[in-house]
Amino acid sequence: MFDRKTFLMQEQNGLYGRIILKRDDEVKLEKTFKIMYTDLQTFVSEATNLLLQRLIIQQKKNGEIHLKALTNFGNIVKVNYVRPCS
């Protein structure tokens, strides 16, 4: 099993981060990244991402939500939540 740690530091023009993936105390991946403040406007955390998925599954309403999330490797990706018409 992997142990993942994410560190974020606020700077004037964005957030700087570092992700470390370890397995059995051995570093398997270490990556630094930068997130511009403009990318944070519709950003959701990993926990919020999971919560939204569960809420959308339970909702009876149809629709779409377009947000951004951080991958395990420090990349910002677009996330589309869609509840199609039943």
PDB file of N, CA and C in Angstrom:
ATOM      1  N   MET A   1       0.842  -1.177   0.000  1.00  0.00           N
ATOM      2  CA  MET A   1       0.000   0.000   0.000  1.00  0.00           C
ATOM      3  C   MET A   1       0.887   1.241   0.000  1.00  0.00           C
ATOM      4  N   PHE A   2       0.448   2.246  -0.737  1.00  0.00           N
ATOM      5  CA  PHE A   2       1.207   3.492  -0.841  1.00  0.00           C
ATOM      6  C   PHE A   2       0.804   4.468   0.256  1.00  0.00           C
ATOM      7  N   ASP A   3       1.757   5.230   0.698  1.00  0.00           N
ATOM      8  CA  ASP A   3       1.526   6.335   1.628  1.00  0.00           C
ATOM      9  C   ASP A   3       1.768   7.609   0.830  1.00  0.00           C
ATOM     10  N   ARG A   4       0.757   8.464   0.755  1.00  0.00           N
ATOM     11  CA  ARG A   4       0.880   9.698  -0.033  1.00  0.00           C
ATOM     12  C   ARG A   4       0.813  10.900   0.879  1.00  0.00           C
ATOM     13  N   LYS A   5       1.746  11.824   0.705  1.00  0.00           N
ATOM     14  CA  LYS A   5       1.745  13.085   1.445  1.00  0.00           C
ATOM     15  C   LYS A   5       1.765  14.223   0.429  1.00  0.00           C
ATOM     16  N   THR A   6       0.918  15.215   0.673  1.00  0.00           N
ATOM     17  CA  THR A   6       0.844  16.390  -0.197  1.00  0.00           C
ATOM     18  C   THR A   6       1.103  17.619   0.653  1.00  0.00           C
ATOM     19  N   PHE A   7       2.032  18.446   0.224  1.00  0.00           N
ATOM     20  CA  PHE A   7       2.370  19.683   0.917  1.00  0.00           C
ATOM     21  C   PHE A   7       2.064  20.851  -0.012  1.00  0.00           C
ATOM     22  N   LEU A   8       1.435  21.910   0.522  1.00  0.00           N
ATOM     23  CA  LEU A   8       1.150  23.120  -0.247  1.00  0.00           C
ATOM     24  C   LEU A   8       1.704  24.334   0.483  1.00  0.00           C
ATOM     25  N   MET A   9       2.280  25.261  -0.285  1.00  0.00           N
ATOM     26  CA  MET A   9       2.811  26.488   0.280  1.00  0.00           C
ATOM     27  C   MET A   9       2.295  27.664  -0.561  1.00  0.00           C
ATOM     28  N   GLN A  10       1.751  28.650   0.107  1.00  0.00           N
ATOM     29  CA  GLN A  10       1.179  29.810  -0.565  1.00  0.00           C
ATOM     30  C   GLN A  10       2.270  30.822  -0.909  1.00  0.00           C
ATOM     31  N   GLU A  11       2.257  31.285  -2.162  1.00  0.00           N
ATOM     32  CA  GLU A  11       3.165  32.329  -2.629  1.00  0.00           C
ATOM     33  C   GLU A  11       2.327  33.442  -3.245  1.00  0.00           C
ATOM     34  N   GLN A  12       2.972  34.513  -3.715  1.00  0.00           N
ATOM     35  CA  GLN A  12       2.238  35.651  -4.262  1.00  0.00           C
ATOM     36  C   GLN A  12       1.413  35.295  -5.494  1.00  0.00           C
ATOM     37  N   ASN A  13       1.942  34.475  -6.376  1.00  0.00           N
ATOM     38  CA  ASN A  13       1.254  34.218  -7.642  1.00  0.00           C
ATOM     39  C   ASN A  13       0.626  32.827  -7.722  1.00  0.00           C
ATOM     40  N   GLY A  14       0.597  32.078  -6.628  1.00  0.00           N
ATOM     41  CA  GLY A  14      -0.030  30.766  -6.665  1.00  0.00           C
ATOM     42  C   GLY A  14       0.406  29.890  -5.513  1.00  0.00           C
ATOM     43  N   LEU A  15       0.034  28.637  -5.626  1.00  0.00           N
ATOM     44  CA  LEU A  15       0.409  27.649  -4.618  1.00  0.00           C
ATOM     45  C   LEU A  15       1.501  26.749  -5.187  1.00  0.00           C
ATOM     46  N   TYR A  16       2.483  26.481  -4.386  1.00  0.00           N
ATOM     47  CA  TYR A  16       3.521  25.531  -4.752  1.00  0.00           C
ATOM     48  C   TYR A  16       3.306  24.291  -3.907  1.00  0.00           C
ATOM     49  N   GLY A  17       3.442  23.130  -4.531  1.00  0.00           N
ATOM     50  CA  GLY A  17       3.183  21.911  -3.806  1.00  0.00           C
ATOM     51  C   GLY A  17       4.211  20.837  -4.083  1.00  0.00           C
ATOM     52  N   ARG A  18       4.153  19.828  -3.245  1.00  0.00           N
ATOM     53  CA  ARG A  18       5.026  18.674  -3.396  1.00  0.00           C
ATOM     54  C   ARG A  18       4.236  17.439  -2.992  1.00  0.00           C
ATOM     55  N   ILE A  19       4.328  16.411  -3.813  1.00  0.00           N
ATOM     56  CA  ILE A  19       3.676  15.144  -3.529  1.00  0.00           C
ATOM     57  C   ILE A  19       4.760  14.087  -3.379  1.00  0.00           C
ATOM     58  N   ILE A  20       4.640  13.299  -2.331  1.00  0.00           N
ATOM     59  CA  ILE A  20       5.586  12.207  -2.098  1.00  0.00           C
ATOM     60  C   ILE A  20       4.783  10.913  -1.941  1.00  0.00           C
ATOM     61  N   LEU A  21       5.076   9.934  -2.786  1.00  0.00           N
ATOM     62  CA  LEU A  21       4.478   8.608  -2.679  1.00  0.00           C
ATOM     63  C   LEU A  21       5.536   7.642  -2.169  1.00  0.00           C
ATOM     64  N   LYS A  22       5.202   6.937  -1.085  1.00  0.00           N
ATOM     65  CA  LYS A  22       6.144   5.971  -0.502  1.00  0.00           C
ATOM     66  C   LYS A  22       5.476   4.611  -0.406  1.00  0.00           C
ATOM     67  N   ARG A  23       6.307   3.596  -0.501  1.00  0.00           N
ATOM     68  CA  ARG A  23       5.861   2.228  -0.248  1.00  0.00           C
ATOM     69  C   ARG A  23       6.933   1.562   0.607  1.00  0.00           C
ATOM     70  N   ASP A  24       6.545   1.093   1.770  1.00  0.00           N
ATOM     71  CA  ASP A  24       7.493   0.470   2.705  1.00  0.00           C
ATOM     72  C   ASP A  24       8.682   1.388   2.987  1.00  0.00           C
ATOM     73  N   ASP A  25       8.416   2.642   3.273  1.00  0.00           N
ATOM     74  CA  ASP A  25       9.420   3.669   3.581  1.00  0.00           C
ATOM     75  C   ASP A  25      10.380   3.974   2.433  1.00  0.00           C
ATOM     76  N   GLU A  26      10.090   3.492   1.227  1.00  0.00           N
ATOM     77  CA  GLU A  26      10.911   3.807   0.055  1.00  0.00           C
ATOM     78  C   GLU A  26      10.141   4.785  -0.828  1.00  0.00           C
ATOM     79  N   VAL A  27      10.786   5.903  -1.174  1.00  0.00           N
ATOM     80  CA  VAL A  27      10.141   6.908  -2.011  1.00  0.00           C
ATOM     81  C   VAL A  27      10.010   6.361  -3.429  1.00  0.00           C
ATOM     82  N   LYS A  28       8.766   6.270  -3.903  1.00  0.00           N
ATOM     83  CA  LYS A  28       8.494   5.787  -5.261  1.00  0.00           C
ATOM     84  C   LYS A  28       8.311   6.940  -6.242  1.00  0.00           C
ATOM     85  N   LEU A  29       7.818   8.065  -5.739  1.00  0.00           N
ATOM     86  CA  LEU A  29       7.599   9.241  -6.593  1.00  0.00           C
ATOM     87  C   LEU A  29       7.689  10.480  -5.726  1.00  0.00           C
ATOM     88  N   GLU A  30       8.367  11.487  -6.232  1.00  0.00           N
ATOM     89  CA  GLU A  30       8.407  12.792  -5.576  1.00  0.00           C
ATOM     90  C   GLU A  30       8.287  13.824  -6.673  1.00  0.00           C
ATOM     91  N   LYS A  31       7.277  14.673  -6.572  1.00  0.00           N
ATOM     92  CA  LYS A  31       7.015  15.643  -7.633  1.00  0.00           C
ATOM     93  C   LYS A  31       6.654  16.988  -7.028  1.00  0.00           C
ATOM     94  N   THR A  32       7.199  18.046  -7.597  1.00  0.00           N
ATOM     95  CA  THR A  32       6.798  19.397  -7.211  1.00  0.00           C
ATOM     96  C   THR A  32       5.928  19.965  -8.320  1.00  0.00           C
ATOM     97  N   PHE A  33       5.041  20.874  -7.941  1.00  0.00           N
ATOM     98  CA  PHE A  33       4.120  21.455  -8.920  1.00  0.00           C
ATOM     99  C   PHE A  33       3.707  22.843  -8.461  1.00  0.00           C
ATOM    100  N   LYS A  34       3.101  23.588  -9.386  1.00  0.00           N
ATOM    101  CA  LYS A  34       2.618  24.940  -9.108  1.00  0.00           C
ATOM    102  C   LYS A  34       1.183  25.039  -9.587  1.00  0.00           C
ATOM    103  N   ILE A  35       0.337  25.660  -8.774  1.00  0.00           N
ATOM    104  CA  ILE A  35      -1.053  25.908  -9.138  1.00  0.00           C
ATOM    105  C   ILE A  35      -1.265  27.412  -9.120  1.00  0.00           C
ATOM    106  N   MET A  36      -1.621  27.959 -10.250  1.00  0.00           N
ATOM    107  CA  MET A  36      -1.885  29.397 -10.336  1.00  0.00           C
ATOM    108  C   MET A  36      -3.210  29.703  -9.637  1.00  0.00           C
ATOM    109  N   TYR A  37      -3.339  30.884  -9.075  1.00  0.00           N
ATOM    110  CA  TYR A  37      -4.570  31.258  -8.376  1.00  0.00           C
ATOM    111  C   TYR A  37      -5.776  31.247  -9.307  1.00  0.00           C
ATOM    112  N   THR A  38      -5.573  31.524 -10.593  1.00  0.00           N
ATOM    113  CA  THR A  38      -6.696  31.499 -11.533  1.00  0.00           C
ATOM    114  C   THR A  38      -7.267  30.079 -11.674  1.00  0.00           C
ATOM    115  N   ASP A  39      -6.436  29.058 -11.471  1.00  0.00           N
ATOM    116  CA  ASP A  39      -6.914  27.676 -11.546  1.00  0.00           C
ATOM    117  C   ASP A  39      -7.690  27.252 -10.311  1.00  0.00           C
ATOM    118  N   LEU A  40      -7.619  28.026  -9.243  1.00  0.00           N
ATOM    119  CA  LEU A  40      -8.286  27.660  -7.992  1.00  0.00           C
ATOM    120  C   LEU A  40      -9.734  28.127  -7.921  1.00  0.00           C
ATOM    121  N   GLN A  41     -10.210  28.837  -8.926  1.00  0.00           N
ATOM    122  CA  GLN A  41     -11.558  29.400  -8.861  1.00  0.00           C
ATOM    123  C   GLN A  41     -12.643  28.332  -8.724  1.00  0.00           C
ATOM    124  N   THR A  42     -12.488  27.197  -9.393  1.00  0.00           N
ATOM    125  CA  THR A  42     -13.485  26.122  -9.293  1.00  0.00           C
ATOM    126  C   THR A  42     -12.828  24.836  -8.801  1.00  0.00           C
ATOM    127  N   PHE A  43     -11.785  24.982  -7.990  1.00  0.00           N
ATOM    128  CA  PHE A  43     -11.008  23.847  -7.505  1.00  0.00           C
ATOM    129  C   PHE A  43     -11.706  23.171  -6.329  1.00  0.00           C
ATOM    130  N   VAL A  44     -11.707  21.839  -6.308  1.00  0.00           N
ATOM    131  CA  VAL A  44     -12.238  21.087  -5.172  1.00  0.00           C
ATOM    132  C   VAL A  44     -11.165  20.124  -4.674  1.00  0.00           C
ATOM    133  N   SER A  45     -11.177  19.860  -3.389  1.00  0.00           N
ATOM    134  CA  SER A  45     -10.210  18.938  -2.799  1.00  0.00           C
ATOM    135  C   SER A  45     -10.610  17.494  -3.117  1.00  0.00           C
ATOM    136  N   GLU A  46      -9.722  16.571  -2.803  1.00  0.00           N
ATOM    137  CA  GLU A  46     -10.003  15.154  -3.049  1.00  0.00           C
ATOM    138  C   GLU A  46     -11.212  14.691  -2.244  1.00  0.00           C
ATOM    139  N   ALA A  47     -11.300  15.122  -0.999  1.00  0.00           N
ATOM    140  CA  ALA A  47     -12.432  14.728  -0.158  1.00  0.00           C
ATOM    141  C   ALA A  47     -13.745  15.308  -0.696  1.00  0.00           C
ATOM    142  N   THR A  48     -13.713  16.558  -1.136  1.00  0.00           N
ATOM    143  CA  THR A  48     -14.907  17.183  -1.702  1.00  0.00           C
ATOM    144  C   THR A  48     -15.305  16.492  -2.997  1.00  0.00           C
ATOM    145  N   ASN A  49     -14.312  16.120  -3.785  1.00  0.00           N
ATOM    146  CA  ASN A  49     -14.552  15.402  -5.031  1.00  0.00           C
ATOM    147  C   ASN A  49     -15.341  14.113  -4.764  1.00  0.00           C
ATOM    148  N   LEU A  50     -14.916  13.334  -3.790  1.00  0.00           N
ATOM    149  CA  LEU A  50     -15.613  12.090  -3.449  1.00  0.00           C
ATOM    150  C   LEU A  50     -17.017  12.349  -2.911  1.00  0.00           C
ATOM    151  N   LEU A  51     -17.150  13.373  -2.080  1.00  0.00           N
ATOM    152  CA  LEU A  51     -18.456  13.719  -1.522  1.00  0.00           C
ATOM    153  C   LEU A  51     -19.429  14.135  -2.621  1.00  0.00           C
ATOM    154  N   LEU A  52     -18.965  14.950  -3.562  1.00  0.00           N
ATOM    155  CA  LEU A  52     -19.827  15.372  -4.667  1.00  0.00           C
ATOM    156  C   LEU A  52     -20.291  14.182  -5.503  1.00  0.00           C
ATOM    157  N   GLN A  53     -19.388  13.245  -5.748  1.00  0.00           N
ATOM    158  CA  GLN A  53     -19.783  12.058  -6.509  1.00  0.00           C
ATOM    159  C   GLN A  53     -20.905  11.309  -5.810  1.00  0.00           C
ATOM    160  N   ARG A  54     -20.782  11.138  -4.501  1.00  0.00           N
ATOM    161  CA  ARG A  54     -21.823  10.427  -3.750  1.00  0.00           C
ATOM    162  C   ARG A  54     -23.145  11.198  -3.738  1.00  0.00           C
ATOM    163  N   LEU A  55     -23.073  12.510  -3.560  1.00  0.00           N
ATOM    164  CA  LEU A  55     -24.296  13.319  -3.543  1.00  0.00           C
ATOM    165  C   LEU A  55     -25.005  13.299  -4.895  1.00  0.00           C
ATOM    166  N   ILE A  56     -24.241  13.372  -5.961  1.00  0.00           N
ATOM    167  CA  ILE A  56     -24.848  13.368  -7.300  1.00  0.00           C
ATOM    168  C   ILE A  56     -25.521  12.030  -7.575  1.00  0.00           C
ATOM    169  N   ILE A  57     -24.914  10.938  -7.109  1.00  0.00           N
ATOM    170  CA  ILE A  57     -25.524   9.624  -7.282  1.00  0.00           C
ATOM    171  C   ILE A  57     -26.861   9.553  -6.543  1.00  0.00           C
ATOM    172  N   GLN A  58     -26.949  10.158  -5.353  1.00  0.00           N
ATOM    173  CA  GLN A  58     -28.163  10.100  -4.550  1.00  0.00           C
ATOM    174  C   GLN A  58     -29.243  11.071  -5.032  1.00  0.00           C
ATOM    175  N   GLN A  59     -28.842  12.148  -5.703  1.00  0.00           N
ATOM    176  CA  GLN A  59     -29.798  13.164  -6.136  1.00  0.00           C
ATOM    177  C   GLN A  59     -30.722  12.630  -7.226  1.00  0.00           C
ATOM    178  N   LYS A  60     -31.933  13.101  -7.223  1.00  0.00           N
ATOM    179  CA  LYS A  60     -32.902  12.717  -8.252  1.00  0.00           C
ATOM    180  C   LYS A  60     -32.911  13.718  -9.403  1.00  0.00           C
ATOM    181  N   LYS A  61     -32.231  14.860  -9.233  1.00  0.00           N
ATOM    182  CA  LYS A  61     -32.221  15.906 -10.257  1.00  0.00           C
ATOM    183  C   LYS A  61     -31.152  15.609 -11.311  1.00  0.00           C
ATOM    184  N   ASN A  62     -31.420  16.022 -12.541  1.00  0.00           N
ATOM    185  CA  ASN A  62     -30.461  15.868 -13.628  1.00  0.00           C
ATOM    186  C   ASN A  62     -29.633  17.138 -13.747  1.00  0.00           C
ATOM    187  N   GLY A  63     -28.450  17.033 -14.320  1.00  0.00           N
ATOM    188  CA  GLY A  63     -27.641  18.220 -14.530  1.00  0.00           C
ATOM    189  C   GLY A  63     -26.160  17.919 -14.569  1.00  0.00           C
ATOM    190  N   GLU A  64     -25.387  18.989 -14.690  1.00  0.00           N
ATOM    191  CA  GLU A  64     -23.940  18.871 -14.788  1.00  0.00           C
ATOM    192  C   GLU A  64     -23.269  19.908 -13.902  1.00  0.00           C
ATOM    193  N   ILE A  65     -22.092  19.557 -13.380  1.00  0.00           N
ATOM    194  CA  ILE A  65     -21.239  20.485 -12.648  1.00  0.00           C
ATOM    195  C   ILE A  65     -19.838  20.328 -13.227  1.00  0.00           C
ATOM    196  N   HIS A  66     -19.169  21.441 -13.501  1.00  0.00           N
ATOM    197  CA  HIS A  66     -17.814  21.407 -14.054  1.00  0.00           C
ATOM    198  C   HIS A  66     -16.868  22.073 -13.060  1.00  0.00           C
ATOM    199  N   LEU A  67     -15.920  21.298 -12.535  1.00  0.00           N
ATOM    200  CA  LEU A  67     -14.972  21.794 -11.542  1.00  0.00           C
ATOM    201  C   LEU A  67     -13.560  21.360 -11.918  1.00  0.00           C
ATOM    202  N   LYS A  68     -12.595  21.672 -11.058  1.00  0.00           N
ATOM    203  CA  LYS A  68     -11.205  21.248 -11.250  1.00  0.00           C
ATOM    204  C   LYS A  68     -10.746  20.529  -9.993  1.00  0.00           C
ATOM    205  N   ALA A  69      -9.870  19.537 -10.171  1.00  0.00           N
ATOM    206  CA  ALA A  69      -9.352  18.772  -9.037  1.00  0.00           C
ATOM    207  C   ALA A  69      -7.870  18.482  -9.254  1.00  0.00           C
ATOM    208  N   LEU A  70      -7.212  18.127  -8.183  1.00  0.00           N
ATOM    209  CA  LEU A  70      -5.786  17.803  -8.209  1.00  0.00           C
ATOM    210  C   LEU A  70      -5.624  16.288  -8.263  1.00  0.00           C
ATOM    211  N   THR A  71      -4.849  15.788  -9.232  1.00  0.00           N
ATOM    212  CA  THR A  71      -4.608  14.353  -9.318  1.00  0.00           C
ATOM    213  C   THR A  71      -3.560  13.937  -8.293  1.00  0.00           C
ATOM    214  N   ASN A  72      -3.356  12.649  -8.164  1.00  0.00           N
ATOM    215  CA  ASN A  72      -2.334  12.127  -7.254  1.00  0.00           C
ATOM    216  C   ASN A  72      -0.936  12.576  -7.639  1.00  0.00           C
ATOM    217  N   PHE A  73      -0.762  13.021  -8.879  1.00  0.00           N
ATOM    218  CA  PHE A  73       0.562  13.396  -9.372  1.00  0.00           C
ATOM    219  C   PHE A  73       0.743  14.899  -9.498  1.00  0.00           C
ATOM    220  N   GLY A  74      -0.160  15.693  -8.916  1.00  0.00           N
ATOM    221  CA  GLY A  74       0.000  17.137  -8.890  1.00  0.00           C
ATOM    222  C   GLY A  74      -0.475  17.860 -10.128  1.00  0.00           C
ATOM    223  N   ASN A  75      -1.295  17.222 -10.933  1.00  0.00           N
ATOM    224  CA  ASN A  75      -1.843  17.867 -12.119  1.00  0.00           C
ATOM    225  C   ASN A  75      -3.258  18.335 -11.845  1.00  0.00           C
ATOM    226  N   ILE A  76      -3.596  19.522 -12.354  1.00  0.00           N
ATOM    227  CA  ILE A  76      -4.974  20.012 -12.252  1.00  0.00           C
ATOM    228  C   ILE A  76      -5.735  19.465 -13.451  1.00  0.00           C
ATOM    229  N   VAL A  77      -6.862  18.826 -13.185  1.00  0.00           N
ATOM    230  CA  VAL A  77      -7.674  18.272 -14.262  1.00  0.00           C
ATOM    231  C   VAL A  77      -9.104  18.776 -14.129  1.00  0.00           C
ATOM    232  N   LYS A  78      -9.791  18.854 -15.265  1.00  0.00           N
ATOM    233  CA  LYS A  78     -11.208  19.213 -15.257  1.00  0.00           C
ATOM    234  C   LYS A  78     -12.012  17.989 -14.876  1.00  0.00           C
ATOM    235  N   VAL A  79     -12.976  18.198 -13.986  1.00  0.00           N
ATOM    236  CA  VAL A  79     -13.849  17.112 -13.539  1.00  0.00           C
ATOM    237  C   VAL A  79     -15.277  17.491 -13.887  1.00  0.00           C
ATOM    238  N   ASN A  80     -15.955  16.623 -14.610  1.00  0.00           N
ATOM    239  CA  ASN A  80     -17.339  16.871 -14.978  1.00  0.00           C
ATOM    240  C   ASN A  80     -18.223  15.876 -14.256  1.00  0.00           C
ATOM    241  N   TYR A  81     -19.149  16.391 -13.488  1.00  0.00           N
ATOM    242  CA  TYR A  81     -20.111  15.557 -12.800  1.00  0.00           C
ATOM    243  C   TYR A  81     -21.416  15.635 -13.594  1.00  0.00           C
ATOM    244  N   VAL A  82     -21.890  14.486 -14.054  1.00  0.00           N
ATOM    245  CA  VAL A  82     -23.082  14.474 -14.894  1.00  0.00           C
ATOM    246  C   VAL A  82     -24.076  13.485 -14.330  1.00  0.00           C
ATOM    247  N   ARG A  83     -25.300  13.924 -14.152  1.00  0.00           N
ATOM    248  CA  ARG A  83     -26.402  13.028 -13.776  1.00  0.00           C
ATOM    249  C   ARG A  83     -27.334  12.999 -14.975  1.00  0.00           C
ATOM    250  N   PRO A  84     -27.236  11.968 -15.827  1.00  0.00           N
ATOM    251  CA  PRO A  84     -28.044  11.936 -17.041  1.00  0.00           C
ATOM    252  C   PRO A  84     -29.533  11.734 -16.739  1.00  0.00           C
ATOM    253  N   CYS A  85     -30.342  12.088 -17.696  1.00  0.00           N
ATOM    254  CA  CYS A  85     -31.788  11.886 -17.567  1.00  0.00           C
ATOM    255  C   CYS A  85     -32.063  10.402 -17.450  1.00  0.00           C
ATOM    256  N   SER A  86     -32.937  10.042 -16.544  1.00  0.00           N
ATOM    257  CA  SER A  86     -33.248   8.605 -16.350  1.00  0.00           C
ATOM    258  C   SER A  86     -34.361   8.179 -17.272  1.00  0.00           C
TER     259      SER A  86
END
